[in-house]
Protein backbone atom coordinates (compact mmCIF):
# COMPACT_ATOMS: atom_id res chain seq x y z
CA MET A 1 86.12 -55.21 234.69
CA GLY A 2 83.68 -55.28 232.35
CA ASP A 3 85.91 -54.87 229.01
CA GLY A 4 86.11 -58.67 228.85
CA THR A 5 89.64 -58.85 230.38
CA ARG A 6 87.92 -61.05 233.33
CA GLY A 7 90.58 -64.06 234.03
CA THR A 8 93.44 -62.44 231.81
CA ARG A 9 96.13 -62.22 233.62
CA ILE A 10 99.53 -61.20 232.60
CA TRP A 11 102.75 -62.45 234.15
CA VAL A 12 106.06 -60.44 233.65
CA ALA A 13 108.79 -62.30 234.88
CA ARG A 14 111.55 -60.72 236.23
CA CYS A 15 110.67 -57.35 235.14
CA LEU A 16 107.87 -56.13 237.71
CA THR A 17 109.41 -55.44 241.01
CA ALA A 18 106.70 -54.26 244.31
CA ALA A 19 107.81 -50.89 243.38
CA SER A 20 105.81 -50.97 240.28
CA GLN A 21 102.71 -52.63 242.65
CA PRO A 22 100.92 -48.40 242.88
CA LEU A 23 100.78 -48.05 239.51
CA ALA A 24 99.21 -51.09 238.62
CA GLU A 25 96.43 -50.15 241.35
CA LYS A 26 96.48 -46.74 239.99
CA LEU A 27 95.45 -48.19 236.34
CA GLY A 28 93.07 -50.35 237.82
CA LEU A 29 95.27 -53.72 236.46
CA ALA A 30 96.71 -54.80 239.92
CA GLN A 31 94.49 -57.94 239.56
CA VAL A 32 95.58 -58.63 235.60
CA VAL A 33 99.33 -57.74 236.36
CA PRO A 34 100.43 -58.81 239.88
CA CYS A 35 103.74 -57.55 240.67
CA GLU A 36 105.61 -60.59 241.70
CA GLY A 37 109.23 -59.44 241.39
CA PRO A 38 111.85 -61.62 240.28
CA SER A 39 111.47 -65.53 239.65
CA PRO A 40 114.14 -68.49 239.23
CA ASN A 41 114.80 -69.45 236.07
CA SER A 42 113.27 -72.41 235.98
CA GLU A 43 109.80 -70.83 237.10
CA ALA A 44 109.92 -68.81 234.49
CA LEU A 45 110.59 -71.01 231.95
CA ALA A 46 107.70 -72.96 233.12
CA ALA A 47 105.27 -69.82 233.40
CA ALA A 48 106.40 -69.49 229.67
CA ALA A 49 105.62 -73.04 228.51
CA ALA A 50 102.19 -72.44 229.89
CA ALA A 51 101.49 -69.22 228.48
CA ASP A 52 99.12 -68.80 225.77
CA VAL A 53 101.46 -65.90 224.54
CA LEU A 54 104.85 -64.46 225.18
CA LEU A 55 106.04 -60.84 224.87
CA LEU A 56 109.13 -59.59 223.88
CA ILE A 57 109.91 -56.06 225.12
CA ASP A 58 112.77 -54.67 223.32
CA ALA A 59 115.03 -51.89 224.29
CA PRO A 60 113.98 -48.70 221.78
CA SER A 61 116.88 -47.77 219.57
CA LYS A 62 117.31 -45.39 217.01
CA SER A 63 119.37 -47.04 214.68
CA SER A 64 118.87 -50.51 213.03
CA SER A 65 120.25 -53.75 215.23
CA MET A 66 121.79 -56.40 213.83
CA PHE A 67 121.68 -58.45 217.41
CA LEU A 68 118.21 -60.61 218.14
CA PRO A 69 117.58 -60.81 222.16
CA SER A 70 118.00 -63.63 223.38
CA LYS A 71 115.07 -63.87 225.04
CA LEU A 72 114.00 -64.37 221.69
CA ILE A 73 115.58 -67.23 221.08
CA ASP A 74 114.87 -68.77 224.25
CA TYR A 75 111.03 -68.52 222.84
CA LEU A 76 111.42 -69.96 219.99
CA MET A 77 111.45 -73.40 221.52
CA PHE A 78 107.83 -72.91 223.11
CA ARG A 79 106.46 -72.70 219.64
CA LYS A 80 103.73 -70.33 220.76
CA PRO A 81 102.61 -66.89 219.61
CA ILE A 82 104.71 -63.97 220.93
CA PHE A 83 104.01 -60.46 220.35
CA GLY A 84 107.19 -57.72 220.06
CA ILE A 85 106.92 -54.48 221.55
CA THR A 86 110.34 -53.42 219.53
CA PRO A 87 111.51 -50.65 217.22
CA GLN A 88 110.56 -51.13 213.73
CA ASN A 89 114.24 -51.69 212.61
CA GLY A 90 116.43 -54.54 213.14
CA GLU A 91 116.73 -58.54 213.29
CA ALA A 92 114.54 -58.83 216.14
CA VAL A 93 111.39 -56.98 213.87
CA ASP A 94 112.28 -58.84 211.23
CA LEU A 95 112.75 -62.23 212.74
CA LEU A 96 108.99 -61.82 214.18
CA THR A 97 107.62 -61.06 210.94
CA ARG A 98 108.88 -63.97 209.32
CA LEU A 99 107.53 -66.07 211.85
CA GLY A 100 104.12 -64.32 211.23
CA CYS A 101 103.69 -62.95 214.70
CA LEU A 102 102.36 -59.38 215.81
CA VAL A 103 105.34 -56.35 216.43
CA ALA A 104 103.99 -52.78 217.91
CA PRO A 105 106.74 -49.91 218.90
CA ALA A 106 106.83 -48.90 221.93
CA GLU A 107 105.99 -45.43 221.40
CA HIS A 108 102.99 -46.11 219.21
CA VAL A 109 100.22 -47.21 222.57
CA GLY A 110 97.50 -47.62 219.94
CA ALA A 111 99.34 -50.13 218.20
CA ILE A 112 100.07 -51.84 220.83
CA ALA A 113 96.79 -51.96 222.17
CA ALA A 114 95.19 -53.15 218.91
CA ALA A 115 97.49 -56.06 218.62
CA LEU A 116 96.70 -56.65 222.18
CA ALA A 117 92.88 -56.56 220.99
CA GLN A 118 94.06 -58.74 218.03
CA ILE A 119 95.60 -61.17 220.89
CA LEU A 120 92.51 -61.15 223.06
CA GLY A 121 89.89 -62.07 220.06
CA ALA A 122 92.17 -64.79 219.08
CA TRP A 123 92.15 -66.33 222.37
CA ARG A 124 88.82 -65.98 222.87
CA THR A 125 88.37 -67.54 219.36
CA GLY A 126 90.79 -70.49 220.40
CA THR A 127 92.62 -69.38 216.95
CA LEU A 128 95.24 -68.26 219.38
CA GLN A 129 98.54 -70.66 217.82
CA VAL A 130 101.48 -70.64 215.52
CA ASP A 131 101.37 -71.83 211.93
CA GLU A 132 103.64 -73.82 209.79
CA ALA A 133 105.43 -71.01 208.76
CA PHE A 134 106.40 -70.07 212.57
CA ARG A 135 107.93 -73.50 212.61
CA LEU A 136 109.93 -73.57 209.71
CA VAL A 137 111.53 -70.18 210.77
CA ALA A 138 111.99 -71.68 214.28
CA SER A 139 113.39 -74.66 213.04
CA GLY A 140 116.06 -72.50 211.44
CA TYR A 141 117.31 -71.08 214.90
CA VAL A 142 118.40 -75.19 216.61
CA ASN A 143 122.00 -75.20 217.50
CA ARG A 144 122.47 -78.10 215.59
CA ARG A 145 121.30 -75.95 212.08
CA THR A 146 122.83 -72.75 213.75
CA ALA A 147 126.86 -75.20 213.87
CA GLU A 148 125.97 -76.68 210.33
CA ARG A 149 125.56 -73.07 208.92
CA LEU A 150 128.50 -71.31 211.08
CA ASP A 151 130.66 -74.57 209.42
CA SER A 152 129.45 -74.07 206.03
CA ILE A 153 130.52 -70.37 206.17
CA LEU A 154 133.45 -70.83 207.85
CA GLN A 155 134.39 -74.01 205.15
CA ARG A 156 133.15 -71.80 202.13
CA SER A 157 135.69 -69.08 203.49
CA ILE A 158 138.90 -71.20 203.35
CA GLY A 159 137.66 -73.18 200.34
CA ARG A 160 136.42 -76.25 201.51
CA GLU A 161 133.66 -78.88 201.44
CA ALA A 162 131.32 -78.27 204.52
CA LEU A 163 130.81 -81.31 207.11
CA THR A 164 127.47 -82.66 207.75
CA LEU A 165 127.07 -83.47 211.38
CA PRO A 166 126.17 -86.70 212.72
CA SER A 167 122.40 -87.24 213.66
CA SER A 168 121.26 -86.53 216.96
CA ARG A 169 118.55 -88.95 217.29
């Protein structure tokens, strides 16, 4: 490929199947996007840990969603850039924006292409990374913090002082 993508591979865990292979070949992407089919969870997690950037594809929706995809929460532990192809309303886009991650709606091919170009540019220059804002926002989704916030809300709702959980150190 003469477009600067030589050596680039996009591995989509548990999404593409052998049935996707003809489309990848038709688009000239068979070497870039291998259609390997489903993989065990441990293999998908290892691939995410080794990846340069993580991809979140969220289902299109006409209304705002108050739910976060579990995959997005899973991705936070890797502390890697996340590219979200997601509706522009709802919790997923709000969190990705607070994390400083790139987002684009599925129906805007130009926005997706621009985001991919930006990601590739940052990768080429060695600047594809997360910043301190990502770490700070992501830390609010650690199990311990989530449990403390839930306890605080529940205790306030019944007029009691929140518990302080013992340190896990």
